[in-house]
Amino acid sequence: MEPPPVDEGHLGTIAAALAVWLAGAAAREALRLAVPGIGGDQVAADATEHLESLSDAWLRGQLGGALSAAQMAGRFALPEDAPLARYQG
């Protein structure tokens, strides 16, 4: 039996939103660090160090939500893939 198709559009949107959040955090830190006399390489290194020091709790929470959404999509796809089964609540 073939598994139901994955809604890559929805999961891709979640991944893109997380990437935008992370890029925004990097940009905010780079703007804070960019002052006269500091080179771009130093700003990049310091911004990277800042990002690596952040807790991953928010990202983990968002990932958990995305995994729950994927699990729910699978639950909804099951009746479409196996319509002859009898379901009892």
PDB file of N, CA and C in Angstrom:
ATOM      1  N   MET A   1       0.842  -1.171   0.000  1.00  0.00           N
ATOM      2  CA  MET A   1       0.000   0.000   0.000  1.00  0.00           C
ATOM      3  C   MET A   1       0.894   1.243   0.000  1.00  0.00           C
ATOM      4  N   GLU A   2       0.596   2.139  -0.905  1.00  0.00           N
ATOM      5  CA  GLU A   2       1.352   3.387  -1.002  1.00  0.00           C
ATOM      6  C   GLU A   2       0.914   4.354   0.094  1.00  0.00           C
ATOM      7  N   PRO A   3       1.859   5.040   0.719  1.00  0.00           N
ATOM      8  CA  PRO A   3       1.455   6.044   1.716  1.00  0.00           C
ATOM      9  C   PRO A   3       0.785   7.230   1.017  1.00  0.00           C
ATOM     10  N   PRO A   4      -0.093   7.936   1.731  1.00  0.00           N
ATOM     11  CA  PRO A   4      -0.722   9.105   1.118  1.00  0.00           C
ATOM     12  C   PRO A   4       0.322  10.181   0.826  1.00  0.00           C
ATOM     13  N   PRO A   5       0.050  11.053  -0.132  1.00  0.00           N
ATOM     14  CA  PRO A   5       1.020  12.097  -0.461  1.00  0.00           C
ATOM     15  C   PRO A   5       1.203  13.077   0.696  1.00  0.00           C
ATOM     16  N   VAL A   6       2.398  13.588   0.791  1.00  0.00           N
ATOM     17  CA  VAL A   6       2.735  14.564   1.829  1.00  0.00           C
ATOM     18  C   VAL A   6       2.388  15.957   1.309  1.00  0.00           C
ATOM     19  N   ASP A   7       1.754  16.758   2.145  1.00  0.00           N
ATOM     20  CA  ASP A   7       1.427  18.138   1.775  1.00  0.00           C
ATOM     21  C   ASP A   7       2.685  18.978   1.948  1.00  0.00           C
ATOM     22  N   GLU A   8       3.559  18.913   0.963  1.00  0.00           N
ATOM     23  CA  GLU A   8       4.840  19.614   1.056  1.00  0.00           C
ATOM     24  C   GLU A   8       4.679  21.120   1.069  1.00  0.00           C
ATOM     25  N   GLY A   9       3.604  21.617   0.477  1.00  0.00           N
ATOM     26  CA  GLY A   9       3.376  23.060   0.472  1.00  0.00           C
ATOM     27  C   GLY A   9       3.211  23.596   1.881  1.00  0.00           C
ATOM     28  N   HIS A  10       2.395  22.920   2.690  1.00  0.00           N
ATOM     29  CA  HIS A  10       2.165  23.366   4.068  1.00  0.00           C
ATOM     30  C   HIS A  10       3.438  23.234   4.898  1.00  0.00           C
ATOM     31  N   LEU A  11       4.095  22.084   4.802  1.00  0.00           N
ATOM     32  CA  LEU A  11       5.325  21.891   5.577  1.00  0.00           C
ATOM     33  C   LEU A  11       6.434  22.829   5.093  1.00  0.00           C
ATOM     34  N   GLY A  12       6.463  23.095   3.800  1.00  0.00           N
ATOM     35  CA  GLY A  12       7.441  24.038   3.262  1.00  0.00           C
ATOM     36  C   GLY A  12       7.212  25.448   3.775  1.00  0.00           C
ATOM     37  N   THR A  13       5.948  25.810   3.933  1.00  0.00           N
ATOM     38  CA  THR A  13       5.618  27.135   4.466  1.00  0.00           C
ATOM     39  C   THR A  13       6.106  27.264   5.902  1.00  0.00           C
ATOM     40  N   ILE A  14       5.932  26.219   6.689  1.00  0.00           N
ATOM     41  CA  ILE A  14       6.407  26.234   8.077  1.00  0.00           C
ATOM     42  C   ILE A  14       7.931  26.355   8.101  1.00  0.00           C
ATOM     43  N   ALA A  15       8.608  25.583   7.271  1.00  0.00           N
ATOM     44  CA  ALA A  15      10.070  25.646   7.218  1.00  0.00           C
ATOM     45  C   ALA A  15      10.546  27.030   6.784  1.00  0.00           C
ATOM     46  N   ALA A  16       9.868  27.615   5.808  1.00  0.00           N
ATOM     47  CA  ALA A  16      10.249  28.949   5.342  1.00  0.00           C
ATOM     48  C   ALA A  16      10.051  29.990   6.438  1.00  0.00           C
ATOM     49  N   ALA A  17       8.964  29.864   7.196  1.00  0.00           N
ATOM     50  CA  ALA A  17       8.717  30.813   8.285  1.00  0.00           C
ATOM     51  C   ALA A  17       9.806  30.719   9.344  1.00  0.00           C
ATOM     52  N   LEU A  18      10.248  29.514   9.659  1.00  0.00           N
ATOM     53  CA  LEU A  18      11.331  29.350  10.634  1.00  0.00           C
ATOM     54  C   LEU A  18      12.631  29.935  10.100  1.00  0.00           C
ATOM     55  N   ALA A  19      12.891  29.737   8.817  1.00  0.00           N
ATOM     56  CA  ALA A  19      14.104  30.284   8.209  1.00  0.00           C
ATOM     57  C   ALA A  19      14.077  31.812   8.218  1.00  0.00           C
ATOM     58  N   VAL A  20      12.902  32.395   7.949  1.00  0.00           N
ATOM     59  CA  VAL A  20      12.780  33.856   7.967  1.00  0.00           C
ATOM     60  C   VAL A  20      13.018  34.385   9.376  1.00  0.00           C
ATOM     61  N   TRP A  21      12.488  33.697  10.381  1.00  0.00           N
ATOM     62  CA  TRP A  21      12.705  34.133  11.766  1.00  0.00           C
ATOM     63  C   TRP A  21      14.198  34.122  12.096  1.00  0.00           C
ATOM     64  N   LEU A  22      14.880  33.040  11.731  1.00  0.00           N
ATOM     65  CA  LEU A  22      16.306  32.930  12.032  1.00  0.00           C
ATOM     66  C   LEU A  22      17.110  33.976  11.265  1.00  0.00           C
ATOM     67  N   ALA A  23      16.766  34.212  10.010  1.00  0.00           N
ATOM     68  CA  ALA A  23      17.454  35.239   9.218  1.00  0.00           C
ATOM     69  C   ALA A  23      17.222  36.618   9.820  1.00  0.00           C
ATOM     70  N   GLY A  24      16.006  36.858  10.306  1.00  0.00           N
ATOM     71  CA  GLY A  24      15.708  38.135  10.955  1.00  0.00           C
ATOM     72  C   GLY A  24      16.524  38.335  12.214  1.00  0.00           C
ATOM     73  N   ALA A  25      16.679  37.274  13.001  1.00  0.00           N
ATOM     74  CA  ALA A  25      17.499  37.361  14.216  1.00  0.00           C
ATOM     75  C   ALA A  25      18.949  37.682  13.863  1.00  0.00           C
ATOM     76  N   ALA A  26      19.443  37.071  12.796  1.00  0.00           N
ATOM     77  CA  ALA A  26      20.815  37.337  12.360  1.00  0.00           C
ATOM     78  C   ALA A  26      20.947  38.782  11.871  1.00  0.00           C
ATOM     79  N   ALA A  27      19.970  39.243  11.119  1.00  0.00           N
ATOM     80  CA  ALA A  27      20.026  40.606  10.597  1.00  0.00           C
ATOM     81  C   ALA A  27      19.971  41.637  11.724  1.00  0.00           C
ATOM     82  N   ARG A  28      19.098  41.410  12.709  1.00  0.00           N
ATOM     83  CA  ARG A  28      19.004  42.356  13.833  1.00  0.00           C
ATOM     84  C   ARG A  28      20.328  42.436  14.591  1.00  0.00           C
ATOM     85  N   GLU A  29      20.947  41.300  14.799  1.00  0.00           N
ATOM     86  CA  GLU A  29      22.224  41.305  15.523  1.00  0.00           C
ATOM     87  C   GLU A  29      23.317  41.959  14.681  1.00  0.00           C
ATOM     88  N   ALA A  30      23.339  41.695  13.395  1.00  0.00           N
ATOM     89  CA  ALA A  30      24.340  42.305  12.522  1.00  0.00           C
ATOM     90  C   ALA A  30      24.179  43.825  12.497  1.00  0.00           C
ATOM     91  N   LEU A  31      22.939  44.297  12.443  1.00  0.00           N
ATOM     92  CA  LEU A  31      22.702  45.748  12.466  1.00  0.00           C
ATOM     93  C   LEU A  31      23.158  46.364  13.792  1.00  0.00           C
ATOM     94  N   ARG A  32      22.956  45.650  14.869  1.00  0.00           N
ATOM     95  CA  ARG A  32      23.379  46.142  16.182  1.00  0.00           C
ATOM     96  C   ARG A  32      24.905  46.234  16.270  1.00  0.00           C
ATOM     97  N   LEU A  33      25.574  45.273  15.638  1.00  0.00           N
ATOM     98  CA  LEU A  33      27.040  45.201  15.726  1.00  0.00           C
ATOM     99  C   LEU A  33      27.760  46.086  14.715  1.00  0.00           C
ATOM    100  N   ALA A  34      27.091  46.436  13.634  1.00  0.00           N
ATOM    101  CA  ALA A  34      27.738  47.189  12.559  1.00  0.00           C
ATOM    102  C   ALA A  34      27.907  48.651  12.964  1.00  0.00           C
ATOM    103  N   VAL A  35      29.094  48.977  13.383  1.00  0.00           N
ATOM    104  CA  VAL A  35      29.434  50.354  13.766  1.00  0.00           C
ATOM    105  C   VAL A  35      30.686  50.756  13.002  1.00  0.00           C
ATOM    106  N   PRO A  36      30.913  52.036  12.849  1.00  0.00           N
ATOM    107  CA  PRO A  36      32.115  52.469  12.131  1.00  0.00           C
ATOM    108  C   PRO A  36      33.377  51.851  12.741  1.00  0.00           C
ATOM    109  N   GLY A  37      34.244  51.389  11.869  1.00  0.00           N
ATOM    110  CA  GLY A  37      35.515  50.824  12.305  1.00  0.00           C
ATOM    111  C   GLY A  37      35.498  49.309  12.487  1.00  0.00           C
ATOM    112  N   ILE A  38      34.332  48.690  12.421  1.00  0.00           N
ATOM    113  CA  ILE A  38      34.240  47.231  12.548  1.00  0.00           C
ATOM    114  C   ILE A  38      33.993  46.654  11.165  1.00  0.00           C
ATOM    115  N   GLY A  39      34.838  45.728  10.746  1.00  0.00           N
ATOM    116  CA  GLY A  39      34.713  45.135   9.415  1.00  0.00           C
ATOM    117  C   GLY A  39      33.576  44.132   9.322  1.00  0.00           C
ATOM    118  N   GLY A  40      33.159  43.878   8.104  1.00  0.00           N
ATOM    119  CA  GLY A  40      32.069  42.942   7.855  1.00  0.00           C
ATOM    120  C   GLY A  40      32.356  41.536   8.336  1.00  0.00           C
ATOM    121  N   ASP A  41      33.613  41.107   8.201  1.00  0.00           N
ATOM    122  CA  ASP A  41      33.965  39.762   8.671  1.00  0.00           C
ATOM    123  C   ASP A  41      33.790  39.644  10.178  1.00  0.00           C
ATOM    124  N   GLN A  42      34.145  40.703  10.902  1.00  0.00           N
ATOM    125  CA  GLN A  42      34.002  40.684  12.353  1.00  0.00           C
ATOM    126  C   GLN A  42      32.527  40.703  12.753  1.00  0.00           C
ATOM    127  N   VAL A  43      31.745  41.529  12.060  1.00  0.00           N
ATOM    128  CA  VAL A  43      30.300  41.571  12.334  1.00  0.00           C
ATOM    129  C   VAL A  43      29.688  40.191  12.098  1.00  0.00           C
ATOM    130  N   ALA A  44      30.045  39.552  10.982  1.00  0.00           N
ATOM    131  CA  ALA A  44      29.512  38.226  10.672  1.00  0.00           C
ATOM    132  C   ALA A  44      29.911  37.210  11.741  1.00  0.00           C
ATOM    133  N   ALA A  45      31.175  37.246  12.157  1.00  0.00           N
ATOM    134  CA  ALA A  45      31.637  36.303  13.179  1.00  0.00           C
ATOM    135  C   ALA A  45      30.915  36.530  14.502  1.00  0.00           C
ATOM    136  N   ASP A  46      30.760  37.789  14.886  1.00  0.00           N
ATOM    137  CA  ASP A  46      30.087  38.097  16.155  1.00  0.00           C
ATOM    138  C   ASP A  46      28.599  37.763  16.093  1.00  0.00           C
ATOM    139  N   ALA A  47      27.961  38.008  14.945  1.00  0.00           N
ATOM    140  CA  ALA A  47      26.536  37.669  14.794  1.00  0.00           C
ATOM    141  C   ALA A  47      26.352  36.157  14.847  1.00  0.00           C
ATOM    142  N   THR A  48      27.255  35.425  14.219  1.00  0.00           N
ATOM    143  CA  THR A  48      27.199  33.965  14.267  1.00  0.00           C
ATOM    144  C   THR A  48      27.361  33.468  15.696  1.00  0.00           C
ATOM    145  N   GLU A  49      28.311  34.037  16.416  1.00  0.00           N
ATOM    146  CA  GLU A  49      28.524  33.658  17.817  1.00  0.00           C
ATOM    147  C   GLU A  49      27.260  33.926  18.641  1.00  0.00           C
ATOM    148  N   HIS A  50      26.619  35.067  18.388  1.00  0.00           N
ATOM    149  CA  HIS A  50      25.384  35.397  19.103  1.00  0.00           C
ATOM    150  C   HIS A  50      24.291  34.371  18.812  1.00  0.00           C
ATOM    151  N   LEU A  51      24.087  34.035  17.531  1.00  0.00           N
ATOM    152  CA  LEU A  51      23.052  33.069  17.167  1.00  0.00           C
ATOM    153  C   LEU A  51      23.302  31.706  17.798  1.00  0.00           C
ATOM    154  N   GLU A  52      24.559  31.310  17.828  1.00  0.00           N
ATOM    155  CA  GLU A  52      24.895  30.008  18.417  1.00  0.00           C
ATOM    156  C   GLU A  52      24.704  29.997  19.931  1.00  0.00           C
ATOM    157  N   SER A  53      24.691  31.171  20.548  1.00  0.00           N
ATOM    158  CA  SER A  53      24.510  31.237  21.997  1.00  0.00           C
ATOM    159  C   SER A  53      23.035  31.237  22.410  1.00  0.00           C
ATOM    160  N   LEU A  54      22.144  31.437  21.444  1.00  0.00           N
ATOM    161  CA  LEU A  54      20.719  31.507  21.763  1.00  0.00           C
ATOM    162  C   LEU A  54      20.170  30.128  22.131  1.00  0.00           C
ATOM    163  N   SER A  55      19.176  30.120  22.984  1.00  0.00           N
ATOM    164  CA  SER A  55      18.465  28.890  23.306  1.00  0.00           C
ATOM    165  C   SER A  55      17.702  28.428  22.075  1.00  0.00           C
ATOM    166  N   ASP A  56      17.576  27.128  21.924  1.00  0.00           N
ATOM    167  CA  ASP A  56      16.802  26.608  20.800  1.00  0.00           C
ATOM    168  C   ASP A  56      15.370  26.252  21.210  1.00  0.00           C
ATOM    169  N   ALA A  57      14.936  26.720  22.382  1.00  0.00           N
ATOM    170  CA  ALA A  57      13.605  26.372  22.890  1.00  0.00           C
ATOM    171  C   ALA A  57      12.498  26.825  21.934  1.00  0.00           C
ATOM    172  N   TRP A  58      12.587  28.051  21.420  1.00  0.00           N
ATOM    173  CA  TRP A  58      11.544  28.548  20.525  1.00  0.00           C
ATOM    174  C   TRP A  58      11.500  27.712  19.249  1.00  0.00           C
ATOM    175  N   LEU A  59      12.665  27.468  18.654  1.00  0.00           N
ATOM    176  CA  LEU A  59      12.708  26.684  17.425  1.00  0.00           C
ATOM    177  C   LEU A  59      12.203  25.261  17.668  1.00  0.00           C
ATOM    178  N   ARG A  60      12.553  24.682  18.809  1.00  0.00           N
ATOM    179  CA  ARG A  60      12.069  23.334  19.135  1.00  0.00           C
ATOM    180  C   ARG A  60      10.544  23.325  19.259  1.00  0.00           C
ATOM    181  N   GLY A  61       9.994  24.359  19.869  1.00  0.00           N
ATOM    182  CA  GLY A  61       8.547  24.455  19.991  1.00  0.00           C
ATOM    183  C   GLY A  61       7.872  24.552  18.638  1.00  0.00           C
ATOM    184  N   GLN A  62       8.441  25.351  17.754  1.00  0.00           N
ATOM    185  CA  GLN A  62       7.883  25.507  16.415  1.00  0.00           C
ATOM    186  C   GLN A  62       8.001  24.202  15.631  1.00  0.00           C
ATOM    187  N   LEU A  63       9.122  23.519  15.781  1.00  0.00           N
ATOM    188  CA  LEU A  63       9.304  22.236  15.105  1.00  0.00           C
ATOM    189  C   LEU A  63       8.288  21.226  15.630  1.00  0.00           C
ATOM    190  N   GLY A  64       8.053  21.226  16.936  1.00  0.00           N
ATOM    191  CA  GLY A  64       7.049  20.336  17.506  1.00  0.00           C
ATOM    192  C   GLY A  64       5.680  20.602  16.916  1.00  0.00           C
ATOM    193  N   GLY A  65       5.345  21.873  16.735  1.00  0.00           N
ATOM    194  CA  GLY A  65       4.075  22.226  16.099  1.00  0.00           C
ATOM    195  C   GLY A  65       4.005  21.729  14.665  1.00  0.00           C
ATOM    196  N   ALA A  66       5.108  21.850  13.939  1.00  0.00           N
ATOM    197  CA  ALA A  66       5.140  21.382  12.550  1.00  0.00           C
ATOM    198  C   ALA A  66       4.985  19.865  12.489  1.00  0.00           C
ATOM    199  N   LEU A  67       5.621  19.161  13.411  1.00  0.00           N
ATOM    200  CA  LEU A  67       5.490  17.703  13.429  1.00  0.00           C
ATOM    201  C   LEU A  67       4.066  17.287  13.784  1.00  0.00           C
ATOM    202  N   SER A  68       3.444  18.011  14.694  1.00  0.00           N
ATOM    203  CA  SER A  68       2.040  17.727  15.027  1.00  0.00           C
ATOM    204  C   SER A  68       1.143  17.967  13.827  1.00  0.00           C
ATOM    205  N   ALA A  69       1.409  19.038  13.072  1.00  0.00           N
ATOM    206  CA  ALA A  69       0.632  19.321  11.869  1.00  0.00           C
ATOM    207  C   ALA A  69       0.800  18.199  10.846  1.00  0.00           C
ATOM    208  N   ALA A  70       2.017  17.692  10.698  1.00  0.00           N
ATOM    209  CA  ALA A  70       2.263  16.595   9.761  1.00  0.00           C
ATOM    210  C   ALA A  70       1.538  15.326  10.218  1.00  0.00           C
ATOM    211  N   GLN A  71       1.558  15.075  11.509  1.00  0.00           N
ATOM    212  CA  GLN A  71       0.866  13.903  12.044  1.00  0.00           C
ATOM    213  C   GLN A  71      -0.645  14.013  11.808  1.00  0.00           C
ATOM    214  N   MET A  72      -1.195  15.192  12.031  1.00  0.00           N
ATOM    215  CA  MET A  72      -2.627  15.397  11.819  1.00  0.00           C
ATOM    216  C   MET A  72      -2.975  15.246  10.337  1.00  0.00           C
ATOM    217  N   ALA A  73      -2.120  15.725   9.464  1.00  0.00           N
ATOM    218  CA  ALA A  73      -2.364  15.568   8.029  1.00  0.00           C
ATOM    219  C   ALA A  73      -2.422  14.087   7.667  1.00  0.00           C
ATOM    220  N   GLY A  74      -1.550  13.298   8.290  1.00  0.00           N
ATOM    221  CA  GLY A  74      -1.582  11.850   8.060  1.00  0.00           C
ATOM    222  C   GLY A  74      -2.873  11.225   8.544  1.00  0.00           C
ATOM    223  N   ARG A  75      -3.356  11.694   9.669  1.00  0.00           N
ATOM    224  CA  ARG A  75      -4.628  11.169  10.189  1.00  0.00           C
ATOM    225  C   ARG A  75      -5.784  11.489   9.248  1.00  0.00           C
ATOM    226  N   PHE A  76      -5.794  12.694   8.714  1.00  0.00           N
ATOM    227  CA  PHE A  76      -6.863  13.067   7.792  1.00  0.00           C
ATOM    228  C   PHE A  76      -6.735  12.327   6.459  1.00  0.00           C
ATOM    229  N   ALA A  77      -5.531  11.995   6.056  1.00  0.00           N
ATOM    230  CA  ALA A  77      -5.327  11.312   4.781  1.00  0.00           C
ATOM    231  C   ALA A  77      -5.710   9.839   4.860  1.00  0.00           C
ATOM    232  N   LEU A  78      -5.684   9.258   6.041  1.00  0.00           N
ATOM    233  CA  LEU A  78      -5.964   7.830   6.175  1.00  0.00           C
ATOM    234  C   LEU A  78      -7.335   7.441   5.645  1.00  0.00           C
ATOM    235  N   PRO A  79      -8.429   8.113   6.016  1.00  0.00           N
ATOM    236  CA  PRO A  79      -9.736   7.709   5.473  1.00  0.00           C
ATOM    237  C   PRO A  79      -9.812   7.821   3.954  1.00  0.00           C
ATOM    238  N   GLU A  80      -9.086   8.746   3.373  1.00  0.00           N
ATOM    239  CA  GLU A  80      -9.079   8.885   1.916  1.00  0.00           C
ATOM    240  C   GLU A  80      -8.332   7.731   1.265  1.00  0.00           C
ATOM    241  N   ASP A  81      -7.300   7.224   1.950  1.00  0.00           N
ATOM    242  CA  ASP A  81      -6.476   6.162   1.399  1.00  0.00           C
ATOM    243  C   ASP A  81      -7.088   4.783   1.655  1.00  0.00           C
ATOM    244  N   ALA A  82      -7.877   4.645   2.695  1.00  0.00           N
ATOM    245  CA  ALA A  82      -8.476   3.361   3.054  1.00  0.00           C
ATOM    246  C   ALA A  82      -9.977   3.547   3.307  1.00  0.00           C
ATOM    247  N   PRO A  83     -10.741   3.915   2.279  1.00  0.00           N
ATOM    248  CA  PRO A  83     -12.152   4.248   2.482  1.00  0.00           C
ATOM    249  C   PRO A  83     -13.038   3.070   2.861  1.00  0.00           C
ATOM    250  N   LEU A  84     -12.621   1.843   2.636  1.00  0.00           N
ATOM    251  CA  LEU A  84     -13.472   0.693   2.916  1.00  0.00           C
ATOM    252  C   LEU A  84     -13.377   0.222   4.352  1.00  0.00           C
ATOM    253  N   ALA A  85     -12.454   0.748   5.105  1.00  0.00           N
ATOM    254  CA  ALA A  85     -12.284   0.344   6.499  1.00  0.00           C
ATOM    255  C   ALA A  85     -13.444   0.876   7.337  1.00  0.00           C
ATOM    256  N   ARG A  86     -13.698   0.222   8.438  1.00  0.00           N
ATOM    257  CA  ARG A  86     -14.749   0.676   9.358  1.00  0.00           C
ATOM    258  C   ARG A  86     -14.065   1.273  10.576  1.00  0.00           C
ATOM    259  N   TYR A  87     -14.425   2.486  10.892  1.00  0.00           N
ATOM    260  CA  TYR A  87     -13.794   3.193  11.999  1.00  0.00           C
ATOM    261  C   TYR A  87     -14.785   3.296  13.155  1.00  0.00           C
ATOM    262  N   GLN A  88     -14.303   3.013  14.348  1.00  0.00           N
ATOM    263  CA  GLN A  88     -15.125   3.120  15.536  1.00  0.00           C
ATOM    264  C   GLN A  88     -14.472   4.079  16.502  1.00  0.00           C
ATOM    265  N   GLY A  89     -15.286   4.916  17.129  1.00  0.00           N
ATOM    266  CA  GLY A  89     -14.756   5.933  18.032  1.00  0.00           C
ATOM    267  C   GLY A  89     -14.682   5.503  19.454  1.00  0.00           C
TER     268      GLY A  89
END
